[in-house]
PDB file of N, CA and C in Angstrom:
ATOM      1  N   MET A   1      27.119 124.195 123.343  1.00  0.00           N
ATOM      2  CA  MET A   1      27.623 123.239 122.382  1.00  0.00           C
ATOM      3  C   MET A   1      29.110 123.057 122.611  1.00  0.00           C
ATOM      4  N   GLY A   2      29.577 121.862 122.269  1.00  0.00           N
ATOM      5  CA  GLY A   2      30.978 121.629 122.496  1.00  0.00           C
ATOM      6  C   GLY A   2      31.482 120.376 121.826  1.00  0.00           C
ATOM      7  N   LYS A   3      32.729 120.087 122.139  1.00  0.00           N
ATOM      8  CA  LYS A   3      33.406 118.908 121.603  1.00  0.00           C
ATOM      9  C   LYS A   3      33.879 118.064 122.771  1.00  0.00           C
ATOM     10  N   ILE A   4      33.956 116.752 122.535  1.00  0.00           N
ATOM     11  CA  ILE A   4      34.569 115.878 123.520  1.00  0.00           C
ATOM     12  C   ILE A   4      35.581 114.978 122.816  1.00  0.00           C
ATOM     13  N   LEU A   5      36.593 114.584 123.559  1.00  0.00           N
ATOM     14  CA  LEU A   5      37.624 113.678 123.071  1.00  0.00           C
ATOM     15  C   LEU A   5      37.236 112.266 123.489  1.00  0.00           C
ATOM     16  N   ILE A   6      37.190 111.340 122.520  1.00  0.00           N
ATOM     17  CA  ILE A   6      36.916 109.950 122.853  1.00  0.00           C
ATOM     18  C   ILE A   6      38.038 109.085 122.297  1.00  0.00           C
ATOM     19  N   SER A   7      38.451 108.086 123.072  1.00  0.00           N
ATOM     20  CA  SER A   7      39.482 107.167 122.601  1.00  0.00           C
ATOM     21  C   SER A   7      38.804 105.924 122.039  1.00  0.00           C
ATOM     22  N   ILE A   8      39.284 105.497 120.885  1.00  0.00           N
ATOM     23  CA  ILE A   8      38.694 104.369 120.183  1.00  0.00           C
ATOM     24  C   ILE A   8      39.816 103.475 119.658  1.00  0.00           C
ATOM     25  N   ASN A   9      39.600 102.177 119.733  1.00  0.00           N
ATOM     26  CA  ASN A   9      40.573 101.205 119.231  1.00  0.00           C
ATOM     27  C   ASN A   9      40.721 101.317 117.711  1.00  0.00           C
ATOM     28  N   PRO A  10      41.924 101.017 117.179  1.00  0.00           N
ATOM     29  CA  PRO A  10      42.203 101.193 115.749  1.00  0.00           C
ATOM     30  C   PRO A  10      41.210 100.503 114.810  1.00  0.00           C
ATOM     31  N   GLU A  11      40.769  99.295 115.144  1.00  0.00           N
ATOM     32  CA  GLU A  11      39.850  98.584 114.244  1.00  0.00           C
ATOM     33  C   GLU A  11      38.532  99.340 114.067  1.00  0.00           C
ATOM     34  N   TYR A  12      38.069 100.002 115.125  1.00  0.00           N
ATOM     35  CA  TYR A  12      36.819 100.754 115.046  1.00  0.00           C
ATOM     36  C   TYR A  12      37.012 102.116 114.404  1.00  0.00           C
ATOM     37  N   VAL A  13      38.185 102.716 114.597  1.00  0.00           N
ATOM     38  CA  VAL A  13      38.480 103.990 113.931  1.00  0.00           C
ATOM     39  C   VAL A  13      38.427 103.803 112.424  1.00  0.00           C
ATOM     40  N   GLU A  14      39.018 102.722 111.929  1.00  0.00           N
ATOM     41  CA  GLU A  14      39.001 102.442 110.491  1.00  0.00           C
ATOM     42  C   GLU A  14      37.567 102.309 109.982  1.00  0.00           C
ATOM     43  N   LYS A  15      36.722 101.636 110.743  1.00  0.00           N
ATOM     44  CA  LYS A  15      35.320 101.460 110.338  1.00  0.00           C
ATOM     45  C   LYS A  15      34.556 102.776 110.365  1.00  0.00           C
ATOM     46  N   ILE A  16      34.851 103.622 111.335  1.00  0.00           N
ATOM     47  CA  ILE A  16      34.200 104.937 111.413  1.00  0.00           C
ATOM     48  C   ILE A  16      34.611 105.785 110.212  1.00  0.00           C
ATOM     49  N   LEU A  17      35.902 105.823 109.921  1.00  0.00           N
ATOM     50  CA  LEU A  17      36.402 106.664 108.835  1.00  0.00           C
ATOM     51  C   LEU A  17      35.950 106.177 107.466  1.00  0.00           C
ATOM     52  N   SER A  18      35.728 104.864 107.313  1.00  0.00           N
ATOM     53  CA  SER A  18      35.260 104.330 106.029  1.00  0.00           C
ATOM     54  C   SER A  18      33.751 104.482 105.864  1.00  0.00           C
ATOM     55  N   GLY A  19      33.055 104.786 106.962  1.00  0.00           N
ATOM     56  CA  GLY A  19      31.603 104.929 106.904  1.00  0.00           C
ATOM     57  C   GLY A  19      30.853 103.653 107.238  1.00  0.00           C
ATOM     58  N   GLU A  20      31.588 102.568 107.494  1.00  0.00           N
ATOM     59  CA  GLU A  20      30.956 101.289 107.849  1.00  0.00           C
ATOM     60  C   GLU A  20      30.298 101.361 109.223  1.00  0.00           C
ATOM     61  N   LYS A  21      30.907 102.095 110.156  1.00  0.00           N
ATOM     62  CA  LYS A  21      30.372 102.242 111.512  1.00  0.00           C
ATOM     63  C   LYS A  21      29.821 103.658 111.654  1.00  0.00           C
ATOM     64  N   LYS A  22      28.537 103.771 111.960  1.00  0.00           N
ATOM     65  CA  LYS A  22      27.898 105.079 112.009  1.00  0.00           C
ATOM     66  C   LYS A  22      27.481 105.506 113.411  1.00  0.00           C
ATOM     67  N   TYR A  23      27.547 104.597 114.386  1.00  0.00           N
ATOM     68  CA  TYR A  23      27.105 104.885 115.747  1.00  0.00           C
ATOM     69  C   TYR A  23      28.195 104.538 116.735  1.00  0.00           C
ATOM     70  N   GLU A  24      28.272 105.317 117.798  1.00  0.00           N
ATOM     71  CA  GLU A  24      29.219 105.048 118.873  1.00  0.00           C
ATOM     72  C   GLU A  24      28.429 105.028 120.178  1.00  0.00           C
ATOM     73  N   PHE A  25      28.479 103.916 120.874  1.00  0.00           N
ATOM     74  CA  PHE A  25      27.747 103.753 122.129  1.00  0.00           C
ATOM     75  C   PHE A  25      28.673 104.019 123.302  1.00  0.00           C
ATOM     76  N   ARG A  26      28.206 104.834 124.241  1.00  0.00           N
ATOM     77  CA  ARG A  26      28.961 105.160 125.453  1.00  0.00           C
ATOM     78  C   ARG A  26      28.068 104.975 126.660  1.00  0.00           C
ATOM     79  N   LYS A  27      28.655 104.574 127.782  1.00  0.00           N
ATOM     80  CA  LYS A  27      27.890 104.335 129.009  1.00  0.00           C
ATOM     81  C   LYS A  27      27.575 105.619 129.752  1.00  0.00           C
ATOM     82  N   ILE A  28      28.418 106.620 129.603  1.00  0.00           N
ATOM     83  CA  ILE A  28      28.260 107.855 130.355  1.00  0.00           C
ATOM     84  C   ILE A  28      27.802 108.969 129.413  1.00  0.00           C
ATOM     85  N   ASN A  29      26.739 109.664 129.807  1.00  0.00           N
ATOM     86  CA  ASN A  29      26.230 110.770 129.011  1.00  0.00           C
ATOM     87  C   ASN A  29      27.084 112.014 129.240  1.00  0.00           C
ATOM     88  N   PRO A  30      27.320 112.801 128.193  1.00  0.00           N
ATOM     89  CA  PRO A  30      28.060 114.055 128.388  1.00  0.00           C
ATOM     90  C   PRO A  30      27.239 115.048 129.208  1.00  0.00           C
ATOM     91  N   LYS A  31      27.916 115.915 129.932  1.00  0.00           N
ATOM     92  CA  LYS A  31      27.237 116.882 130.790  1.00  0.00           C
ATOM     93  C   LYS A  31      26.642 118.051 130.011  1.00  0.00           C
ATOM     94  N   ARG A  32      27.148 118.281 128.810  1.00  0.00           N
ATOM     95  CA  ARG A  32      26.621 119.377 127.992  1.00  0.00           C
ATOM     96  C   ARG A  32      26.319 118.863 126.586  1.00  0.00           C
ATOM     97  N   LYS A  33      25.645 119.670 125.801  1.00  0.00           N
ATOM     98  CA  LYS A  33      25.308 119.283 124.434  1.00  0.00           C
ATOM     99  C   LYS A  33      26.592 119.194 123.602  1.00  0.00           C
ATOM    100  N   ILE A  34      26.715 118.113 122.860  1.00  0.00           N
ATOM    101  CA  ILE A  34      27.912 117.854 122.065  1.00  0.00           C
ATOM    102  C   ILE A  34      27.571 117.987 120.586  1.00  0.00           C
ATOM    103  N   ASP A  35      28.384 118.735 119.848  1.00  0.00           N
ATOM    104  CA  ASP A  35      28.170 118.832 118.406  1.00  0.00           C
ATOM    105  C   ASP A  35      29.303 118.211 117.595  1.00  0.00           C
ATOM    106  N   ALA A  36      30.389 117.787 118.282  1.00  0.00           N
ATOM    107  CA  ALA A  36      31.494 117.139 117.573  1.00  0.00           C
ATOM    108  C   ALA A  36      32.268 116.216 118.513  1.00  0.00           C
ATOM    109  N   LEU A  37      32.815 115.163 117.913  1.00  0.00           N
ATOM    110  CA  LEU A  37      33.689 114.237 118.629  1.00  0.00           C
ATOM    111  C   LEU A  37      35.090 114.355 118.057  1.00  0.00           C
ATOM    112  N   VAL A  38      36.068 114.465 118.913  1.00  0.00           N
ATOM    113  CA  VAL A  38      37.457 114.418 118.502  1.00  0.00           C
ATOM    114  C   VAL A  38      37.897 112.979 118.774  1.00  0.00           C
ATOM    115  N   ILE A  39      38.316 112.281 117.721  1.00  0.00           N
ATOM    116  CA  ILE A  39      38.604 110.846 117.832  1.00  0.00           C
ATOM    117  C   ILE A  39      40.100 110.631 118.024  1.00  0.00           C
ATOM    118  N   TYR A  40      40.427 110.015 119.159  1.00  0.00           N
ATOM    119  CA  TYR A  40      41.800 109.651 119.505  1.00  0.00           C
ATOM    120  C   TYR A  40      41.945 108.149 119.282  1.00  0.00           C
ATOM    121  N   GLN A  41      42.871 107.769 118.409  1.00  0.00           N
ATOM    122  CA  GLN A  41      43.111 106.338 118.162  1.00  0.00           C
ATOM    123  C   GLN A  41      44.110 105.819 119.188  1.00  0.00           C
ATOM    124  N   THR A  42      43.758 104.708 119.823  1.00  0.00           N
ATOM    125  CA  THR A  42      44.606 104.133 120.860  1.00  0.00           C
ATOM    126  C   THR A  42      45.808 103.409 120.254  1.00  0.00           C
ATOM    127  N   TYR A  43      46.539 102.715 121.090  1.00  0.00           N
ATOM    128  CA  TYR A  43      47.764 101.997 120.713  1.00  0.00           C
ATOM    129  C   TYR A  43      47.564 101.198 119.439  1.00  0.00           C
ATOM    130  N   PRO A  44      48.429 101.211 118.485  1.00  0.00           N
ATOM    131  CA  PRO A  44      49.807 101.705 118.525  1.00  0.00           C
ATOM    132  C   PRO A  44      49.993 103.143 118.049  1.00  0.00           C
ATOM    133  N   LEU A  45      49.012 103.746 117.387  1.00  0.00           N
ATOM    134  CA  LEU A  45      49.188 105.085 116.829  1.00  0.00           C
ATOM    135  C   LEU A  45      49.194 106.162 117.912  1.00  0.00           C
ATOM    136  N   MET A  46      48.251 106.106 118.820  1.00  0.00           N
ATOM    137  CA  MET A  46      48.157 106.999 119.968  1.00  0.00           C
ATOM    138  C   MET A  46      48.193 108.482 119.594  1.00  0.00           C
ATOM    139  N   ARG A  47      47.218 108.881 118.777  1.00  0.00           N
ATOM    140  CA  ARG A  47      47.106 110.297 118.433  1.00  0.00           C
ATOM    141  C   ARG A  47      45.690 110.608 117.954  1.00  0.00           C
ATOM    142  N   VAL A  48      45.367 111.887 117.881  1.00  0.00           N
ATOM    143  CA  VAL A  48      44.078 112.327 117.358  1.00  0.00           C
ATOM    144  C   VAL A  48      44.108 112.126 115.847  1.00  0.00           C
ATOM    145  N   VAL A  49      43.080 111.447 115.332  1.00  0.00           N
ATOM    146  CA  VAL A  49      43.065 111.130 113.897  1.00  0.00           C
ATOM    147  C   VAL A  49      41.923 111.779 113.139  1.00  0.00           C
ATOM    148  N   ALA A  50      40.872 112.215 113.828  1.00  0.00           N
ATOM    149  CA  ALA A  50      39.729 112.759 113.106  1.00  0.00           C
ATOM    150  C   ALA A  50      38.822 113.545 114.038  1.00  0.00           C
ATOM    151  N   GLU A  51      37.920 114.277 113.416  1.00  0.00           N
ATOM    152  CA  GLU A  51      36.847 114.953 114.129  1.00  0.00           C
ATOM    153  C   GLU A  51      35.559 114.609 113.393  1.00  0.00           C
ATOM    154  N   ALA A  52      34.525 114.273 114.144  1.00  0.00           N
ATOM    155  CA  ALA A  52      33.255 113.867 113.541  1.00  0.00           C
ATOM    156  C   ALA A  52      32.120 114.722 114.075  1.00  0.00           C
ATOM    157  N   GLU A  53      31.219 115.084 113.199  1.00  0.00           N
ATOM    158  CA  GLU A  53      30.033 115.852 113.575  1.00  0.00           C
ATOM    159  C   GLU A  53      29.013 114.929 114.234  1.00  0.00           C
ATOM    160  N   VAL A  54      28.396 115.400 115.298  1.00  0.00           N
ATOM    161  CA  VAL A  54      27.328 114.654 115.974  1.00  0.00           C
ATOM    162  C   VAL A  54      26.003 115.199 115.469  1.00  0.00           C
ATOM    163  N   LYS A  55      25.240 114.349 114.805  1.00  0.00           N
ATOM    164  CA  LYS A  55      23.954 114.792 114.267  1.00  0.00           C
ATOM    165  C   LYS A  55      22.833 114.616 115.279  1.00  0.00           C
ATOM    166  N   THR A  56      22.794 113.476 115.952  1.00  0.00           N
ATOM    167  CA  THR A  56      21.743 113.178 116.919  1.00  0.00           C
ATOM    168  C   THR A  56      22.342 112.401 118.081  1.00  0.00           C
ATOM    169  N   THR A  57      21.833 112.649 119.264  1.00  0.00           N
ATOM    170  CA  THR A  57      22.262 111.913 120.448  1.00  0.00           C
ATOM    171  C   THR A  57      21.042 111.234 121.052  1.00  0.00           C
ATOM    172  N   PHE A  58      21.181 109.946 121.362  1.00  0.00           N
ATOM    173  CA  PHE A  58      20.110 109.184 121.995  1.00  0.00           C
ATOM    174  C   PHE A  58      20.539 108.833 123.410  1.00  0.00           C
ATOM    175  N   TYR A  59      19.610 108.992 124.373  1.00  0.00           N
ATOM    176  CA  TYR A  59      19.888 108.662 125.762  1.00  0.00           C
ATOM    177  C   TYR A  59      18.884 107.623 126.222  1.00  0.00           C
ATOM    178  N   ASP A  60      19.309 106.378 126.302  1.00  0.00           N
ATOM    179  CA  ASP A  60      18.443 105.302 126.788  1.00  0.00           C
ATOM    180  C   ASP A  60      19.274 104.031 126.878  1.00  0.00           C
ATOM    181  N   SER A  61      18.651 102.946 127.282  1.00  0.00           N
ATOM    182  CA  SER A  61      19.376 101.683 127.351  1.00  0.00           C
ATOM    183  C   SER A  61      19.608 101.161 125.943  1.00  0.00           C
ATOM    184  N   LEU A  62      20.615 100.335 125.790  1.00  0.00           N
ATOM    185  CA  LEU A  62      20.948  99.778 124.478  1.00  0.00           C
ATOM    186  C   LEU A  62      19.799  98.948 123.911  1.00  0.00           C
ATOM    187  N   GLU A  63      19.084  98.245 124.777  1.00  0.00           N
ATOM    188  CA  GLU A  63      17.959  97.426 124.325  1.00  0.00           C
ATOM    189  C   GLU A  63      16.854  98.273 123.697  1.00  0.00           C
ATOM    190  N   ILE A  64      16.602  99.429 124.263  1.00  0.00           N
ATOM    191  CA  ILE A  64      15.543 100.302 123.757  1.00  0.00           C
ATOM    192  C   ILE A  64      15.983 101.014 122.479  1.00  0.00           C
ATOM    193  N   ILE A  65      17.234 101.444 122.432  1.00  0.00           N
ATOM    194  CA  ILE A  65      17.728 102.126 121.236  1.00  0.00           C
ATOM    195  C   ILE A  65      17.814 101.145 120.103  1.00  0.00           C
TER     196      ILE A  65
END
């Protein structure tokens, strides 16, 4: 189990933190099981703003998910 750092644009960070956005889609699968995401907000803030628990991970094409 582990954590990964992901960079996210400010508009999406706000939606994640408010609960409006509940899913994050990535093209590359992590090499190990992930139980938390460390969220780095990109320009202009450019810093780590939150940590989120990963409840479930889905691996498939976006059309199927």
